[in-house]
Amino acid sequence: MRDKILLSATDLFLNYGFKSVTMDDIANALGISKKTIYLHFDNKTKLVNASTMHLFEFIAKGIDQICSLEKNPIEEIFNIKQFVMEHLKDEKSSPQYQLQKYYPSIFNTLKSKQFEVMQTCVIDNLNRGINLGLYRKSIHVEFISRIYFSLMLAIKDKELFPNNEFSMPMLMENYLEYHLRGICTPKGLESLNKFITSNQS
């Protein structure tokens, strides 16, 4: 039952936001009493924390699997974006922004975990890209990996990029292209342009 509650709560949080969804909503969605939820989770904050960490572990595992395929580094970045967006439901409810605003302690724990996973993945991607002649040898790998992470957080700030002006898929596409055009060699740019052209709908 704990897993069922976790999955249902995660789905509702992603669709409607951490603040909007109540314990009653989760109980109704599962057809159980609120008391049953409280047997497994003392309060909503604990449920939000468990849902967030459960989803993080799932996504981190998926990213590891994509990285283990050692595809073209440019393609890999877009594949990871696609995987994450699918499982975060295109971030319709701005989960990261809501966590930061209403559950700052959970947000900070998640941020440090995300940083660890992304650093490993991005540094590996950058080094492979350099070795394959797709990224410039002169780039500072540690600097670029941290800039990549910090800007990924920045584009999810709804005060900077309000939903009614910027959709998350649009922000992600533009950000990844911005990132890659800044580090690619002519060979890398050719690969990037081919990838973008072949994936345009």
C-alpha atoms as a PDB file:
ATOM      1  CA  MET A   1       0.000   0.000   0.000  1.00  0.00           C
ATOM      2  CA  ARG A   2       2.891   2.364   0.766  1.00  0.00           C
ATOM      3  CA  ASP A   3       4.164   2.054  -2.823  1.00  0.00           C
ATOM      4  CA  LYS A   4       0.671   2.634  -4.238  1.00  0.00           C
ATOM      5  CA  ILE A   5       0.296   5.805  -2.168  1.00  0.00           C
ATOM      6  CA  LEU A   6       3.754   6.962  -3.273  1.00  0.00           C
ATOM      7  CA  LEU A   7       3.042   6.403  -6.979  1.00  0.00           C
ATOM      8  CA  SER A   8      -0.381   8.041  -6.867  1.00  0.00           C
ATOM      9  CA  ALA A   9       0.882  11.023  -4.839  1.00  0.00           C
ATOM     10  CA  THR A  10       3.841  11.522  -7.202  1.00  0.00           C
ATOM     11  CA  ASP A  11       1.537  11.475 -10.214  1.00  0.00           C
ATOM     12  CA  LEU A  12      -0.830  14.023  -8.640  1.00  0.00           C
ATOM     13  CA  PHE A  13       2.010  16.278  -7.463  1.00  0.00           C
ATOM     14  CA  LEU A  14       3.527  16.340 -10.960  1.00  0.00           C
ATOM     15  CA  ASN A  15       0.196  17.092 -12.624  1.00  0.00           C
ATOM     16  CA  TYR A  16      -1.219  19.636 -10.181  1.00  0.00           C
ATOM     17  CA  GLY A  17       1.647  20.839  -7.989  1.00  0.00           C
ATOM     18  CA  PHE A  18       2.858  20.124  -4.462  1.00  0.00           C
ATOM     19  CA  LYS A  19       0.815  22.921  -2.922  1.00  0.00           C
ATOM     20  CA  SER A  20      -2.507  22.241  -4.676  1.00  0.00           C
ATOM     21  CA  VAL A  21      -2.752  18.510  -3.963  1.00  0.00           C
ATOM     22  CA  THR A  22      -4.190  17.645  -0.549  1.00  0.00           C
ATOM     23  CA  MET A  23      -4.127  14.401   1.412  1.00  0.00           C
ATOM     24  CA  ASP A  24      -7.869  14.159   0.643  1.00  0.00           C
ATOM     25  CA  ASP A  25      -7.123  14.320  -3.097  1.00  0.00           C
ATOM     26  CA  ILE A  26      -4.636  11.464  -2.776  1.00  0.00           C
ATOM     27  CA  ALA A  27      -7.037   9.382  -0.656  1.00  0.00           C
ATOM     28  CA  ASN A  28      -9.875   9.973  -3.169  1.00  0.00           C
ATOM     29  CA  ALA A  29      -7.672   9.055  -6.127  1.00  0.00           C
ATOM     30  CA  LEU A  30      -6.814   5.744  -4.450  1.00  0.00           C
ATOM     31  CA  GLY A  31     -10.283   5.094  -3.055  1.00  0.00           C
ATOM     32  CA  ILE A  32      -8.919   4.788   0.495  1.00  0.00           C
ATOM     33  CA  SER A  33      -9.317   6.769   3.704  1.00  0.00           C
ATOM     34  CA  LYS A  34      -6.947   9.514   4.740  1.00  0.00           C
ATOM     35  CA  LYS A  35      -6.236   7.468   7.852  1.00  0.00           C
ATOM     36  CA  THR A  36      -4.662   4.765   5.673  1.00  0.00           C
ATOM     37  CA  ILE A  37      -2.233   7.321   4.210  1.00  0.00           C
ATOM     38  CA  TYR A  38      -1.311   8.509   7.706  1.00  0.00           C
ATOM     39  CA  LEU A  39      -0.420   4.931   8.672  1.00  0.00           C
ATOM     40  CA  HIS A  40       2.444   5.157   6.160  1.00  0.00           C
ATOM     41  CA  PHE A  41       3.227   8.893   6.146  1.00  0.00           C
ATOM     42  CA  ASP A  42       2.835  11.037   9.273  1.00  0.00           C
ATOM     43  CA  ASN A  43       2.092  14.208   7.323  1.00  0.00           C
ATOM     44  CA  LYS A  44       2.078  15.755   3.859  1.00  0.00           C
ATOM     45  CA  THR A  45       5.664  17.004   4.145  1.00  0.00           C
ATOM     46  CA  LYS A  46       6.906  13.450   4.709  1.00  0.00           C
ATOM     47  CA  LEU A  47       4.892  12.254   1.726  1.00  0.00           C
ATOM     48  CA  VAL A  48       6.268  15.070  -0.470  1.00  0.00           C
ATOM     49  CA  ASN A  49       9.792  14.144   0.638  1.00  0.00           C
ATOM     50  CA  ALA A  50       9.276  10.425  -0.054  1.00  0.00           C
ATOM     51  CA  SER A  51       7.678  11.130  -3.465  1.00  0.00           C
ATOM     52  CA  THR A  52      10.466  13.501  -4.460  1.00  0.00           C
ATOM     53  CA  MET A  53      13.260  11.108  -3.472  1.00  0.00           C
ATOM     54  CA  HIS A  54      11.503   8.142  -5.097  1.00  0.00           C
ATOM     55  CA  LEU A  55      11.191  10.032  -8.383  1.00  0.00           C
ATOM     56  CA  PHE A  56      14.769  11.299  -8.131  1.00  0.00           C
ATOM     57  CA  GLU A  57      16.139   7.733  -7.694  1.00  0.00           C
ATOM     58  CA  PHE A  58      14.100   6.516 -10.669  1.00  0.00           C
ATOM     59  CA  ILE A  59      15.283   9.351 -12.930  1.00  0.00           C
ATOM     60  CA  ALA A  60      18.913   9.059 -11.758  1.00  0.00           C
ATOM     61  CA  LYS A  61      18.867   5.342 -12.641  1.00  0.00           C
ATOM     62  CA  GLY A  62      17.434   6.140 -16.087  1.00  0.00           C
ATOM     63  CA  ILE A  63      20.106   8.780 -16.720  1.00  0.00           C
ATOM     64  CA  ASP A  64      22.832   6.280 -15.722  1.00  0.00           C
ATOM     65  CA  GLN A  65      21.411   3.777 -18.217  1.00  0.00           C
ATOM     66  CA  ILE A  66      21.398   6.364 -21.033  1.00  0.00           C
ATOM     67  CA  CYS A  67      24.998   7.392 -20.200  1.00  0.00           C
ATOM     68  CA  SER A  68      26.146   3.750 -20.137  1.00  0.00           C
ATOM     69  CA  LEU A  69      25.188   3.429 -23.835  1.00  0.00           C
ATOM     70  CA  GLU A  70      27.983   5.910 -24.669  1.00  0.00           C
ATOM     71  CA  LYS A  71      26.145   7.368 -27.645  1.00  0.00           C
ATOM     72  CA  ASN A  72      27.237  10.461 -29.542  1.00  0.00           C
ATOM     73  CA  PRO A  73      27.543  13.000 -26.650  1.00  0.00           C
ATOM     74  CA  ILE A  74      25.317  15.546 -28.441  1.00  0.00           C
ATOM     75  CA  GLU A  75      22.574  12.981 -28.977  1.00  0.00           C
ATOM     76  CA  GLU A  76      23.001  11.779 -25.372  1.00  0.00           C
ATOM     77  CA  ILE A  77      22.178  15.230 -23.972  1.00  0.00           C
ATOM     78  CA  PHE A  78      18.914  15.365 -25.934  1.00  0.00           C
ATOM     79  CA  ASN A  79      18.030  11.771 -24.979  1.00  0.00           C
ATOM     80  CA  ILE A  80      18.469  12.570 -21.292  1.00  0.00           C
ATOM     81  CA  LYS A  81      16.318  15.684 -21.685  1.00  0.00           C
ATOM     82  CA  GLN A  82      13.598  13.630 -23.400  1.00  0.00           C
ATOM     83  CA  PHE A  83      13.656  10.955 -20.675  1.00  0.00           C
ATOM     84  CA  VAL A  84      13.521  13.477 -17.819  1.00  0.00           C
ATOM     85  CA  MET A  85      10.745  15.551 -19.421  1.00  0.00           C
ATOM     86  CA  GLU A  86       8.601  12.456 -20.004  1.00  0.00           C
ATOM     87  CA  HIS A  87       8.855  11.387 -16.380  1.00  0.00           C
ATOM     88  CA  LEU A  88       8.346  14.895 -15.026  1.00  0.00           C
ATOM     89  CA  LYS A  89       5.318  15.301 -17.318  1.00  0.00           C
ATOM     90  CA  ASP A  90       6.968  18.273 -19.094  1.00  0.00           C
ATOM     91  CA  GLU A  91       7.099  19.965 -15.672  1.00  0.00           C
ATOM     92  CA  LYS A  92       3.588  21.365 -16.157  1.00  0.00           C
ATOM     93  CA  SER A  93       3.214  22.021 -12.428  1.00  0.00           C
ATOM     94  CA  SER A  94       6.720  23.541 -12.066  1.00  0.00           C
ATOM     95  CA  PRO A  95       7.716  20.931  -9.436  1.00  0.00           C
ATOM     96  CA  GLN A  96      11.173  22.349  -8.724  1.00  0.00           C
ATOM     97  CA  TYR A  97       9.911  25.907  -8.289  1.00  0.00           C
ATOM     98  CA  GLN A  98       7.088  24.750  -5.999  1.00  0.00           C
ATOM     99  CA  LEU A  99       9.484  22.674  -3.896  1.00  0.00           C
ATOM    100  CA  GLN A 100      11.824  25.640  -3.519  1.00  0.00           C
ATOM    101  CA  LYS A 101       8.949  27.908  -2.490  1.00  0.00           C
ATOM    102  CA  TYR A 102       6.939  25.637  -0.183  1.00  0.00           C
ATOM    103  CA  TYR A 103       9.373  22.905   0.894  1.00  0.00           C
ATOM    104  CA  PRO A 104      12.828  24.584   0.898  1.00  0.00           C
ATOM    105  CA  SER A 105      14.494  21.917   3.035  1.00  0.00           C
ATOM    106  CA  ILE A 106      13.409  19.115   0.645  1.00  0.00           C
ATOM    107  CA  PHE A 107      14.445  21.288  -2.310  1.00  0.00           C
ATOM    108  CA  ASN A 108      17.962  21.797  -0.900  1.00  0.00           C
ATOM    109  CA  THR A 109      18.453  18.066  -0.270  1.00  0.00           C
ATOM    110  CA  LEU A 110      17.226  17.272  -3.778  1.00  0.00           C
ATOM    111  CA  LYS A 111      19.433  19.966  -5.312  1.00  0.00           C
ATOM    112  CA  SER A 112      22.615  18.519  -3.772  1.00  0.00           C
ATOM    113  CA  LYS A 113      21.649  14.999  -4.936  1.00  0.00           C
ATOM    114  CA  GLN A 114      20.891  16.294  -8.452  1.00  0.00           C
ATOM    115  CA  PHE A 115      24.223  18.088  -8.507  1.00  0.00           C
ATOM    116  CA  GLU A 116      26.135  14.871  -7.721  1.00  0.00           C
ATOM    117  CA  VAL A 117      24.352  12.902 -10.462  1.00  0.00           C
ATOM    118  CA  MET A 118      24.570  15.660 -13.053  1.00  0.00           C
ATOM    119  CA  GLN A 119      28.229  16.445 -12.364  1.00  0.00           C
ATOM    120  CA  THR A 120      29.236  12.844 -13.045  1.00  0.00           C
ATOM    121  CA  CYS A 121      27.109  12.633 -16.179  1.00  0.00           C
ATOM    122  CA  VAL A 122      27.962  16.077 -17.615  1.00  0.00           C
ATOM    123  CA  ILE A 123      31.715  15.820 -16.952  1.00  0.00           C
ATOM    124  CA  ASP A 124      31.773  12.419 -18.666  1.00  0.00           C
ATOM    125  CA  ASN A 125      29.758  13.848 -21.588  1.00  0.00           C
ATOM    126  CA  LEU A 126      32.128  16.812 -21.939  1.00  0.00           C
ATOM    127  CA  ASN A 127      35.274  14.665 -21.823  1.00  0.00           C
ATOM    128  CA  ARG A 128      33.919  12.221 -24.402  1.00  0.00           C
ATOM    129  CA  GLY A 129      32.849  15.112 -26.623  1.00  0.00           C
ATOM    130  CA  ILE A 130      36.366  16.572 -26.453  1.00  0.00           C
ATOM    131  CA  ASN A 131      37.966  13.178 -27.216  1.00  0.00           C
ATOM    132  CA  LEU A 132      35.681  12.712 -30.235  1.00  0.00           C
ATOM    133  CA  GLY A 133      36.483  16.181 -31.553  1.00  0.00           C
ATOM    134  CA  LEU A 134      32.870  17.365 -31.078  1.00  0.00           C
ATOM    135  CA  TYR A 135      33.619  19.825 -28.258  1.00  0.00           C
ATOM    136  CA  ARG A 136      36.478  22.323 -28.163  1.00  0.00           C
ATOM    137  CA  LYS A 137      39.619  21.153 -26.329  1.00  0.00           C
ATOM    138  CA  SER A 138      39.982  24.597 -24.752  1.00  0.00           C
ATOM    139  CA  ILE A 139      36.775  24.413 -22.657  1.00  0.00           C
ATOM    140  CA  HIS A 140      37.151  24.294 -18.868  1.00  0.00           C
ATOM    141  CA  VAL A 141      35.231  21.092 -18.079  1.00  0.00           C
ATOM    142  CA  GLU A 142      34.609  21.752 -14.361  1.00  0.00           C
ATOM    143  CA  PHE A 143      33.413  25.311 -15.064  1.00  0.00           C
ATOM    144  CA  ILE A 144      31.108  24.267 -17.922  1.00  0.00           C
ATOM    145  CA  SER A 145      29.591  21.410 -15.883  1.00  0.00           C
ATOM    146  CA  ARG A 146      28.719  23.788 -13.022  1.00  0.00           C
ATOM    147  CA  ILE A 147      27.377  26.481 -15.344  1.00  0.00           C
ATOM    148  CA  TYR A 148      25.266  23.792 -17.047  1.00  0.00           C
ATOM    149  CA  PHE A 149      23.752  22.763 -13.694  1.00  0.00           C
ATOM    150  CA  SER A 150      23.153  26.303 -12.422  1.00  0.00           C
ATOM    151  CA  LEU A 151      21.471  27.429 -15.653  1.00  0.00           C
ATOM    152  CA  MET A 152      19.324  24.284 -15.649  1.00  0.00           C
ATOM    153  CA  LEU A 153      18.002  25.464 -12.264  1.00  0.00           C
ATOM    154  CA  ALA A 154      17.625  29.056 -13.479  1.00  0.00           C
ATOM    155  CA  ILE A 155      15.353  28.230 -16.428  1.00  0.00           C
ATOM    156  CA  LYS A 156      12.939  26.547 -13.977  1.00  0.00           C
ATOM    157  CA  ASP A 157      12.471  29.783 -12.038  1.00  0.00           C
ATOM    158  CA  LYS A 158       8.889  30.806 -12.801  1.00  0.00           C
ATOM    159  CA  GLU A 159       9.510  34.424 -11.832  1.00  0.00           C
ATOM    160  CA  LEU A 160      12.230  34.656 -14.496  1.00  0.00           C
ATOM    161  CA  PHE A 161      10.439  32.469 -17.036  1.00  0.00           C
ATOM    162  CA  PRO A 162       6.669  32.592 -16.416  1.00  0.00           C
ATOM    163  CA  ASN A 163       4.586  29.681 -17.748  1.00  0.00           C
ATOM    164  CA  ASN A 164       2.371  31.896 -19.866  1.00  0.00           C
ATOM    165  CA  GLU A 165       5.401  33.069 -21.868  1.00  0.00           C
ATOM    166  CA  PHE A 166       7.769  30.091 -21.803  1.00  0.00           C
ATOM    167  CA  SER A 167       6.815  26.416 -21.917  1.00  0.00           C
ATOM    168  CA  MET A 168       9.302  24.006 -20.343  1.00  0.00           C
ATOM    169  CA  PRO A 169       9.879  22.016 -23.596  1.00  0.00           C
ATOM    170  CA  MET A 170      10.675  25.310 -25.381  1.00  0.00           C
ATOM    171  CA  LEU A 171      13.046  26.419 -22.588  1.00  0.00           C
ATOM    172  CA  MET A 172      14.850  23.065 -22.550  1.00  0.00           C
ATOM    173  CA  GLU A 173      15.278  22.906 -26.345  1.00  0.00           C
ATOM    174  CA  ASN A 174      16.634  26.446 -26.491  1.00  0.00           C
ATOM    175  CA  TYR A 175      18.873  25.974 -23.468  1.00  0.00           C
ATOM    176  CA  LEU A 176      20.469  22.764 -24.783  1.00  0.00           C
ATOM    177  CA  GLU A 177      21.128  24.346 -28.168  1.00  0.00           C
ATOM    178  CA  TYR A 178      22.593  27.429 -26.442  1.00  0.00           C
ATOM    179  CA  HIS A 179      24.854  25.179 -24.302  1.00  0.00           C
ATOM    180  CA  LEU A 180      26.056  23.066 -27.220  1.00  0.00           C
ATOM    181  CA  ARG A 181      26.676  25.929 -29.652  1.00  0.00           C
ATOM    182  CA  GLY A 182      28.954  27.456 -27.016  1.00  0.00           C
ATOM    183  CA  ILE A 183      31.212  24.395 -26.728  1.00  0.00           C
ATOM    184  CA  CYS A 184      31.063  22.626 -30.121  1.00  0.00           C
ATOM    185  CA  THR A 185      33.844  22.436 -32.705  1.00  0.00           C
ATOM    186  CA  PRO A 186      32.882  22.830 -36.402  1.00  0.00           C
ATOM    187  CA  LYS A 187      32.539  19.008 -36.477  1.00  0.00           C
ATOM    188  CA  GLY A 188      30.289  19.185 -33.401  1.00  0.00           C
ATOM    189  CA  LEU A 189      28.153  21.938 -34.918  1.00  0.00           C
ATOM    190  CA  GLU A 190      27.675  19.812 -38.036  1.00  0.00           C
ATOM    191  CA  SER A 191      26.529  16.916 -35.832  1.00  0.00           C
ATOM    192  CA  LEU A 192      24.247  19.230 -33.810  1.00  0.00           C
ATOM    193  CA  ASN A 193      22.657  20.757 -36.919  1.00  0.00           C
ATOM    194  CA  LYS A 194      22.037  17.306 -38.388  1.00  0.00           C
ATOM    195  CA  PHE A 195      20.439  16.141 -35.135  1.00  0.00           C
ATOM    196  CA  ILE A 196      18.186  19.214 -34.877  1.00  0.00           C
ATOM    197  CA  THR A 197      17.119  18.966 -38.540  1.00  0.00           C
ATOM    198  CA  SER A 198      16.324  15.227 -38.288  1.00  0.00           C
ATOM    199  CA  ASN A 199      14.294  15.733 -35.083  1.00  0.00           C
ATOM    200  CA  GLN A 200      12.199  18.688 -36.155  1.00  0.00           C
ATOM    201  CA  SER A 201       8.551  17.804 -36.314  1.00  0.00           C
END
